[in-house]
Amino acid sequence: MSCDAPSALLARKWRATTTLNQSEAADALGIHQSTLTKIEGGDRRPSLSLLKKMGDLYSLTPADLAEGVSVMVGAGADAQAGA
């Protein structure tokens, strides 16, 4: 698996703005901790619906969410289009 460093850094940065540990954040997002570990490790990208949940949980601004869509979802679409 390739590491997607920009999306991993962004996901970790967002959670770091809270007092939630990874397990608590995963529970609040309705996902397994292993899924959040993969997202924060750059091995998986979140869906748009999960990005919205992250935005709600982490109290992200519209600009934060736009950056997330661009970095996490847009990069995946670009990679698939080039494949």
PDB file of N, CA and C in Angstrom:
ATOM      1  N   MET A   1       0.827  -1.190   0.000  1.00  0.00           N
ATOM      2  CA  MET A   1       0.000   0.000   0.000  1.00  0.00           C
ATOM      3  C   MET A   1       0.867   1.248   0.000  1.00  0.00           C
ATOM      4  N   SER A   2       0.422   2.205  -0.768  1.00  0.00           N
ATOM      5  CA  SER A   2       1.177   3.453  -0.797  1.00  0.00           C
ATOM      6  C   SER A   2       0.623   4.408   0.251  1.00  0.00           C
ATOM      7  N   CYS A   3       1.503   5.179   0.807  1.00  0.00           N
ATOM      8  CA  CYS A   3       1.116   6.133   1.847  1.00  0.00           C
ATOM      9  C   CYS A   3       0.730   7.464   1.212  1.00  0.00           C
ATOM     10  N   ASP A   4      -0.436   7.943   1.549  1.00  0.00           N
ATOM     11  CA  ASP A   4      -0.910   9.234   1.064  1.00  0.00           C
ATOM     12  C   ASP A   4      -0.662  10.252   2.176  1.00  0.00           C
ATOM     13  N   ALA A   5       0.554  10.774   2.213  1.00  0.00           N
ATOM     14  CA  ALA A   5       0.979  11.636   3.316  1.00  0.00           C
ATOM     15  C   ALA A   5       0.108  12.883   3.506  1.00  0.00           C
ATOM     16  N   PRO A   6      -0.277  13.616   2.455  1.00  0.00           N
ATOM     17  CA  PRO A   6      -1.081  14.825   2.697  1.00  0.00           C
ATOM     18  C   PRO A   6      -2.411  14.536   3.381  1.00  0.00           C
ATOM     19  N   SER A   7      -3.126  13.503   2.945  1.00  0.00           N
ATOM     20  CA  SER A   7      -4.416  13.212   3.574  1.00  0.00           C
ATOM     21  C   SER A   7      -4.231  12.681   4.986  1.00  0.00           C
ATOM     22  N   ALA A   8      -3.181  11.900   5.208  1.00  0.00           N
ATOM     23  CA  ALA A   8      -2.908  11.378   6.551  1.00  0.00           C
ATOM     24  C   ALA A   8      -2.606  12.511   7.521  1.00  0.00           C
ATOM     25  N   LEU A   9      -1.772  13.440   7.096  1.00  0.00           N
ATOM     26  CA  LEU A   9      -1.431  14.576   7.959  1.00  0.00           C
ATOM     27  C   LEU A   9      -2.658  15.417   8.272  1.00  0.00           C
ATOM     28  N   LEU A  10      -3.504  15.606   7.287  1.00  0.00           N
ATOM     29  CA  LEU A  10      -4.702  16.411   7.476  1.00  0.00           C
ATOM     30  C   LEU A  10      -5.657  15.730   8.451  1.00  0.00           C
ATOM     31  N   ALA A  11      -5.873  14.444   8.293  1.00  0.00           N
ATOM     32  CA  ALA A  11      -6.776  13.708   9.185  1.00  0.00           C
ATOM     33  C   ALA A  11      -6.266  13.735  10.625  1.00  0.00           C
ATOM     34  N   ARG A  12      -4.974  13.546  10.802  1.00  0.00           N
ATOM     35  CA  ARG A  12      -4.398  13.587  12.156  1.00  0.00           C
ATOM     36  C   ARG A  12      -4.477  14.998  12.737  1.00  0.00           C
ATOM     37  N   LYS A  13      -4.237  16.003  11.900  1.00  0.00           N
ATOM     38  CA  LYS A  13      -4.296  17.399  12.346  1.00  0.00           C
ATOM     39  C   LYS A  13      -5.694  17.736  12.842  1.00  0.00           C
ATOM     40  N   TRP A  14      -6.698  17.291  12.109  1.00  0.00           N
ATOM     41  CA  TRP A  14      -8.073  17.568  12.501  1.00  0.00           C
ATOM     42  C   TRP A  14      -8.381  16.950  13.858  1.00  0.00           C
ATOM     43  N   ARG A  15      -8.023  15.672  14.053  1.00  0.00           N
ATOM     44  CA  ARG A  15      -8.331  15.019  15.324  1.00  0.00           C
ATOM     45  C   ARG A  15      -7.553  15.653  16.470  1.00  0.00           C
ATOM     46  N   ALA A  16      -6.359  16.136  16.189  1.00  0.00           N
ATOM     47  CA  ALA A  16      -5.521  16.758  17.219  1.00  0.00           C
ATOM     48  C   ALA A  16      -6.136  18.045  17.763  1.00  0.00           C
ATOM     49  N   THR A  17      -7.110  18.614  17.056  1.00  0.00           N
ATOM     50  CA  THR A  17      -7.763  19.827  17.545  1.00  0.00           C
ATOM     51  C   THR A  17      -8.787  19.506  18.625  1.00  0.00           C
ATOM     52  N   THR A  18      -9.001  18.222  18.881  1.00  0.00           N
ATOM     53  CA  THR A  18      -9.956  17.790  19.898  1.00  0.00           C
ATOM     54  C   THR A  18      -9.211  17.074  21.019  1.00  0.00           C
ATOM     55  N   THR A  19      -9.962  16.658  22.019  1.00  0.00           N
ATOM     56  CA  THR A  19      -9.378  15.855  23.098  1.00  0.00           C
ATOM     57  C   THR A  19      -9.629  14.377  22.874  1.00  0.00           C
ATOM     58  N   LEU A  20     -10.159  14.025  21.704  1.00  0.00           N
ATOM     59  CA  LEU A  20     -10.509  12.635  21.419  1.00  0.00           C
ATOM     60  C   LEU A  20      -9.278  11.811  21.061  1.00  0.00           C
ATOM     61  N   ASN A  21      -9.217  10.606  21.618  1.00  0.00           N
ATOM     62  CA  ASN A  21      -8.190   9.691  21.135  1.00  0.00           C
ATOM     63  C   ASN A  21      -8.759   8.994  19.906  1.00  0.00           C
ATOM     64  N   GLN A  22      -7.956   8.181  19.264  1.00  0.00           N
ATOM     65  CA  GLN A  22      -8.375   7.575  18.005  1.00  0.00           C
ATOM     66  C   GLN A  22      -9.594   6.669  18.179  1.00  0.00           C
ATOM     67  N   SER A  23      -9.646   5.918  19.255  1.00  0.00           N
ATOM     68  CA  SER A  23     -10.773   5.019  19.508  1.00  0.00           C
ATOM     69  C   SER A  23     -12.067   5.796  19.718  1.00  0.00           C
ATOM     70  N   GLU A  24     -11.997   6.866  20.490  1.00  0.00           N
ATOM     71  CA  GLU A  24     -13.177   7.702  20.751  1.00  0.00           C
ATOM     72  C   GLU A  24     -13.664   8.366  19.466  1.00  0.00           C
ATOM     73  N   ALA A  25     -12.735   8.854  18.660  1.00  0.00           N
ATOM     74  CA  ALA A  25     -13.107   9.499  17.404  1.00  0.00           C
ATOM     75  C   ALA A  25     -13.760   8.499  16.462  1.00  0.00           C
ATOM     76  N   ALA A  26     -13.195   7.313  16.363  1.00  0.00           N
ATOM     77  CA  ALA A  26     -13.759   6.283  15.491  1.00  0.00           C
ATOM     78  C   ALA A  26     -15.179   5.932  15.937  1.00  0.00           C
ATOM     79  N   ASP A  27     -15.376   5.760  17.236  1.00  0.00           N
ATOM     80  CA  ASP A  27     -16.720   5.467  17.756  1.00  0.00           C
ATOM     81  C   ASP A  27     -17.701   6.575  17.382  1.00  0.00           C
ATOM     82  N   ALA A  28     -17.289   7.825  17.576  1.00  0.00           N
ATOM     83  CA  ALA A  28     -18.157   8.963  17.275  1.00  0.00           C
ATOM     84  C   ALA A  28     -18.464   9.066  15.784  1.00  0.00           C
ATOM     85  N   LEU A  29     -17.535   8.616  14.940  1.00  0.00           N
ATOM     86  CA  LEU A  29     -17.717   8.656  13.489  1.00  0.00           C
ATOM     87  C   LEU A  29     -18.490   7.443  12.969  1.00  0.00           C
ATOM     88  N   GLY A  30     -18.680   6.446  13.838  1.00  0.00           N
ATOM     89  CA  GLY A  30     -19.398   5.246  13.419  1.00  0.00           C
ATOM     90  C   GLY A  30     -18.575   4.303  12.568  1.00  0.00           C
ATOM     91  N   ILE A  31     -17.253   4.328  12.767  1.00  0.00           N
ATOM     92  CA  ILE A  31     -16.362   3.454  12.002  1.00  0.00           C
ATOM     93  C   ILE A  31     -15.476   2.674  12.974  1.00  0.00           C
ATOM     94  N   HIS A  32     -14.837   1.643  12.470  1.00  0.00           N
ATOM     95  CA  HIS A  32     -13.893   0.884  13.292  1.00  0.00           C
ATOM     96  C   HIS A  32     -12.622   1.700  13.480  1.00  0.00           C
ATOM     97  N   GLN A  33     -11.975   1.489  14.604  1.00  0.00           N
ATOM     98  CA  GLN A  33     -10.718   2.186  14.860  1.00  0.00           C
ATOM     99  C   GLN A  33      -9.696   1.847  13.779  1.00  0.00           C
ATOM    100  N   SER A  34      -9.711   0.614  13.288  1.00  0.00           N
ATOM    101  CA  SER A  34      -8.752   0.223  12.244  1.00  0.00           C
ATOM    102  C   SER A  34      -8.947   1.056  10.973  1.00  0.00           C
ATOM    103  N   THR A  35     -10.191   1.438  10.703  1.00  0.00           N
ATOM    104  CA  THR A  35     -10.462   2.278   9.529  1.00  0.00           C
ATOM    105  C   THR A  35      -9.859   3.664   9.722  1.00  0.00           C
ATOM    106  N   LEU A  36     -10.051   4.228  10.908  1.00  0.00           N
ATOM    107  CA  LEU A  36      -9.470   5.545  11.186  1.00  0.00           C
ATOM    108  C   LEU A  36      -7.947   5.465  11.190  1.00  0.00           C
ATOM    109  N   THR A  37      -7.404   4.371  11.691  1.00  0.00           N
ATOM    110  CA  THR A  37      -5.950   4.173  11.668  1.00  0.00           C
ATOM    111  C   THR A  37      -5.445   4.200  10.226  1.00  0.00           C
ATOM    112  N   LYS A  38      -6.157   3.544   9.320  1.00  0.00           N
ATOM    113  CA  LYS A  38      -5.749   3.516   7.905  1.00  0.00           C
ATOM    114  C   LYS A  38      -5.861   4.909   7.277  1.00  0.00           C
ATOM    115  N   ILE A  39      -6.919   5.639   7.625  1.00  0.00           N
ATOM    116  CA  ILE A  39      -7.086   6.991   7.086  1.00  0.00           C
ATOM    117  C   ILE A  39      -5.966   7.889   7.590  1.00  0.00           C
ATOM    118  N   GLU A  40      -5.703   7.831   8.892  1.00  0.00           N
ATOM    119  CA  GLU A  40      -4.658   8.684   9.472  1.00  0.00           C
ATOM    120  C   GLU A  40      -3.260   8.208   9.090  1.00  0.00           C
ATOM    121  N   GLY A  41      -3.153   6.991   8.618  1.00  0.00           N
ATOM    122  CA  GLY A  41      -1.863   6.466   8.171  1.00  0.00           C
ATOM    123  C   GLY A  41      -1.634   6.651   6.682  1.00  0.00           C
ATOM    124  N   GLY A  42      -2.661   7.148   5.980  1.00  0.00           N
ATOM    125  CA  GLY A  42      -2.530   7.386   4.548  1.00  0.00           C
ATOM    126  C   GLY A  42      -2.770   6.168   3.687  1.00  0.00           C
ATOM    127  N   ASP A  43      -3.279   5.094   4.274  1.00  0.00           N
ATOM    128  CA  ASP A  43      -3.531   3.875   3.508  1.00  0.00           C
ATOM    129  C   ASP A  43      -4.955   3.783   2.988  1.00  0.00           C
ATOM    130  N   ARG A  44      -5.778   4.736   3.367  1.00  0.00           N
ATOM    131  CA  ARG A  44      -7.177   4.742   2.933  1.00  0.00           C
ATOM    132  C   ARG A  44      -7.679   6.171   2.929  1.00  0.00           C
ATOM    133  N   ARG A  45      -8.561   6.480   1.991  1.00  0.00           N
ATOM    134  CA  ARG A  45      -9.174   7.805   1.929  1.00  0.00           C
ATOM    135  C   ARG A  45     -10.612   7.708   2.424  1.00  0.00           C
ATOM    136  N   PRO A  46     -11.081   8.716   3.138  1.00  0.00           N
ATOM    137  CA  PRO A  46     -12.473   8.696   3.593  1.00  0.00           C
ATOM    138  C   PRO A  46     -13.435   9.025   2.455  1.00  0.00           C
ATOM    139  N   SER A  47     -14.646   8.530   2.582  1.00  0.00           N
ATOM    140  CA  SER A  47     -15.699   8.887   1.628  1.00  0.00           C
ATOM    141  C   SER A  47     -16.139  10.322   1.899  1.00  0.00           C
ATOM    142  N   LEU A  48     -16.917  10.875   0.981  1.00  0.00           N
ATOM    143  CA  LEU A  48     -17.450  12.220   1.194  1.00  0.00           C
ATOM    144  C   LEU A  48     -18.363  12.260   2.415  1.00  0.00           C
ATOM    145  N   SER A  49     -19.151  11.212   2.619  1.00  0.00           N
ATOM    146  CA  SER A  49     -20.042  11.203   3.785  1.00  0.00           C
ATOM    147  C   SER A  49     -19.236  11.136   5.085  1.00  0.00           C
ATOM    148  N   LEU A  50     -18.135  10.390   5.079  1.00  0.00           N
ATOM    149  CA  LEU A  50     -17.291  10.346   6.271  1.00  0.00           C
ATOM    150  C   LEU A  50     -16.592  11.684   6.487  1.00  0.00           C
ATOM    151  N   LEU A  51     -16.192  12.337   5.415  1.00  0.00           N
ATOM    152  CA  LEU A  51     -15.598  13.675   5.548  1.00  0.00           C
ATOM    153  C   LEU A  51     -16.579  14.637   6.215  1.00  0.00           C
ATOM    154  N   LYS A  52     -17.856  14.543   5.840  1.00  0.00           N
ATOM    155  CA  LYS A  52     -18.866  15.406   6.469  1.00  0.00           C
ATOM    156  C   LYS A  52     -18.971  15.093   7.964  1.00  0.00           C
ATOM    157  N   LYS A  53     -18.984  13.812   8.314  1.00  0.00           N
ATOM    158  CA  LYS A  53     -19.043  13.431   9.729  1.00  0.00           C
ATOM    159  C   LYS A  53     -17.813  13.954  10.472  1.00  0.00           C
ATOM    160  N   MET A  54     -16.648  13.876   9.826  1.00  0.00           N
ATOM    161  CA  MET A  54     -15.422  14.393  10.438  1.00  0.00           C
ATOM    162  C   MET A  54     -15.548  15.896  10.651  1.00  0.00           C
ATOM    163  N   GLY A  55     -16.117  16.572   9.662  1.00  0.00           N
ATOM    164  CA  GLY A  55     -16.311  18.013   9.776  1.00  0.00           C
ATOM    165  C   GLY A  55     -17.197  18.382  10.955  1.00  0.00           C
ATOM    166  N   ASP A  56     -18.269  17.615  11.131  1.00  0.00           N
ATOM    167  CA  ASP A  56     -19.171  17.858  12.259  1.00  0.00           C
ATOM    168  C   ASP A  56     -18.476  17.557  13.581  1.00  0.00           C
ATOM    169  N   LEU A  57     -17.820  16.406  13.659  1.00  0.00           N
ATOM    170  CA  LEU A  57     -17.181  15.986  14.902  1.00  0.00           C
ATOM    171  C   LEU A  57     -16.047  16.920  15.306  1.00  0.00           C
ATOM    172  N   TYR A  58     -15.236  17.327  14.328  1.00  0.00           N
ATOM    173  CA  TYR A  58     -14.055  18.141  14.624  1.00  0.00           C
ATOM    174  C   TYR A  58     -14.323  19.639  14.510  1.00  0.00           C
ATOM    175  N   SER A  59     -15.596  20.015  14.284  1.00  0.00           N
ATOM    176  CA  SER A  59     -15.990  21.432  14.159  1.00  0.00           C
ATOM    177  C   SER A  59     -15.155  22.160  13.109  1.00  0.00           C
ATOM    178  N   LEU A  60     -15.095  21.556  11.929  1.00  0.00           N
ATOM    179  CA  LEU A  60     -14.291  22.130  10.850  1.00  0.00           C
ATOM    180  C   LEU A  60     -15.039  23.253  10.153  1.00  0.00           C
ATOM    181  N   THR A  61     -14.281  24.201   9.639  1.00  0.00           N
ATOM    182  CA  THR A  61     -14.845  25.289   8.848  1.00  0.00           C
ATOM    183  C   THR A  61     -15.093  24.787   7.428  1.00  0.00           C
ATOM    184  N   PRO A  62     -15.905  25.502   6.661  1.00  0.00           N
ATOM    185  CA  PRO A  62     -16.083  25.129   5.252  1.00  0.00           C
ATOM    186  C   PRO A  62     -14.746  25.076   4.492  1.00  0.00           C
ATOM    187  N   ALA A  63     -13.832  25.962   4.830  1.00  0.00           N
ATOM    188  CA  ALA A  63     -12.513  25.953   4.173  1.00  0.00           C
ATOM    189  C   ALA A  63     -11.743  24.678   4.513  1.00  0.00           C
ATOM    190  N   ASP A  64     -11.837  24.243   5.782  1.00  0.00           N
ATOM    191  CA  ASP A  64     -11.184  22.991   6.177  1.00  0.00           C
ATOM    192  C   ASP A  64     -11.746  21.826   5.374  1.00  0.00           C
ATOM    193  N   LEU A  65     -13.076  21.777   5.258  1.00  0.00           N
ATOM    194  CA  LEU A  65     -13.710  20.693   4.525  1.00  0.00           C
ATOM    195  C   LEU A  65     -13.350  20.735   3.040  1.00  0.00           C
ATOM    196  N   ALA A  66     -13.289  21.931   2.476  1.00  0.00           N
ATOM    197  CA  ALA A  66     -12.902  22.059   1.071  1.00  0.00           C
ATOM    198  C   ALA A  66     -11.492  21.537   0.858  1.00  0.00           C
ATOM    199  N   GLU A  67     -10.601  21.841   1.794  1.00  0.00           N
ATOM    200  CA  GLU A  67      -9.231  21.331   1.713  1.00  0.00           C
ATOM    201  C   GLU A  67      -9.248  19.809   1.806  1.00  0.00           C
ATOM    202  N   GLY A  68     -10.077  19.271   2.689  1.00  0.00           N
ATOM    203  CA  GLY A  68     -10.172  17.829   2.838  1.00  0.00           C
ATOM    204  C   GLY A  68     -10.668  17.148   1.585  1.00  0.00           C
ATOM    205  N   VAL A  69     -11.691  17.724   0.962  1.00  0.00           N
ATOM    206  CA  VAL A  69     -12.216  17.149  -0.279  1.00  0.00           C
ATOM    207  C   VAL A  69     -11.144  17.179  -1.354  1.00  0.00           C
ATOM    208  N   SER A  70     -10.445  18.291  -1.462  1.00  0.00           N
ATOM    209  CA  SER A  70      -9.396  18.433  -2.467  1.00  0.00           C
ATOM    210  C   SER A  70      -8.264  17.445  -2.244  1.00  0.00           C
ATOM    211  N   VAL A  71      -7.802  17.344  -1.008  1.00  0.00           N
ATOM    212  CA  VAL A  71      -6.652  16.501  -0.692  1.00  0.00           C
ATOM    213  C   VAL A  71      -7.023  15.029  -0.647  1.00  0.00           C
ATOM    214  N   MET A  72      -8.118  14.701   0.034  1.00  0.00           N
ATOM    215  CA  MET A  72      -8.432  13.298   0.275  1.00  0.00           C
ATOM    216  C   MET A  72      -9.227  12.644  -0.837  1.00  0.00           C
ATOM    217  N   VAL A  73     -10.233  13.336  -1.334  1.00  0.00           N
ATOM    218  CA  VAL A  73     -11.093  12.749  -2.345  1.00  0.00           C
ATOM    219  C   VAL A  73     -10.602  13.101  -3.741  1.00  0.00           C
ATOM    220  N   GLY A  74     -10.230  14.365  -3.944  1.00  0.00           N
ATOM    221  CA  GLY A  74      -9.774  14.801  -5.264  1.00  0.00           C
ATOM    222  C   GLY A  74      -8.551  14.062  -5.741  1.00  0.00           C
ATOM    223  N   ALA A  75      -7.617  13.794  -4.851  1.00  0.00           N
ATOM    224  CA  ALA A  75      -6.396  13.090  -5.223  1.00  0.00           C
ATOM    225  C   ALA A  75      -6.717  11.677  -5.677  1.00  0.00           C
ATOM    226  N   GLY A  76      -7.695  11.043  -5.033  1.00  0.00           N
ATOM    227  CA  GLY A  76      -8.087   9.700  -5.424  1.00  0.00           C
ATOM    228  C   GLY A  76      -8.720   9.680  -6.802  1.00  0.00           C
ATOM    229  N   ALA A  77      -9.542  10.681  -7.074  1.00  0.00           N
ATOM    230  CA  ALA A  77     -10.192  10.769  -8.386  1.00  0.00           C
ATOM    231  C   ALA A  77      -9.147  11.021  -9.468  1.00  0.00           C
ATOM    232  N   ASP A  78      -8.160  11.876  -9.176  1.00  0.00           N
ATOM    233  CA  ASP A  78      -7.102  12.144 -10.139  1.00  0.00           C
ATOM    234  C   ASP A  78      -6.306  10.871 -10.431  1.00  0.00           C
ATOM    235  N   ALA A  79      -6.014  10.121  -9.394  1.00  0.00           N
ATOM    236  CA  ALA A  79      -5.230   8.905  -9.560  1.00  0.00           C
ATOM    237  C   ALA A  79      -6.016   7.878 -10.376  1.00  0.00           C
ATOM    238  N   GLN A  80      -7.335   7.765 -10.119  1.00  0.00           N
ATOM    239  CA  GLN A  80      -8.146   6.815 -10.855  1.00  0.00           C
ATOM    240  C   GLN A  80      -8.283   7.235 -12.311  1.00  0.00           C
ATOM    241  N   ALA A  81      -8.404   8.524 -12.562  1.00  0.00           N
ATOM    242  CA  ALA A  81      -8.559   9.023 -13.927  1.00  0.00           C
ATOM    243  C   ALA A  81      -7.299   8.749 -14.742  1.00  0.00           C
ATOM    244  N   GLY A  82      -6.145   8.771 -14.083  1.00  0.00           N
ATOM    245  CA  GLY A  82      -4.893   8.546 -14.790  1.00  0.00           C
ATOM    246  C   GLY A  82      -4.558   7.082 -14.956  1.00  0.00           C
ATOM    247  N   ALA A  83      -5.316   6.213 -14.315  1.00  0.00           N
ATOM    248  CA  ALA A  83      -5.020   4.774 -14.361  1.00  0.00           C
ATOM    249  C   ALA A  83      -5.482   4.144 -15.646  1.00  0.00           C
TER     250      ALA A  83
END
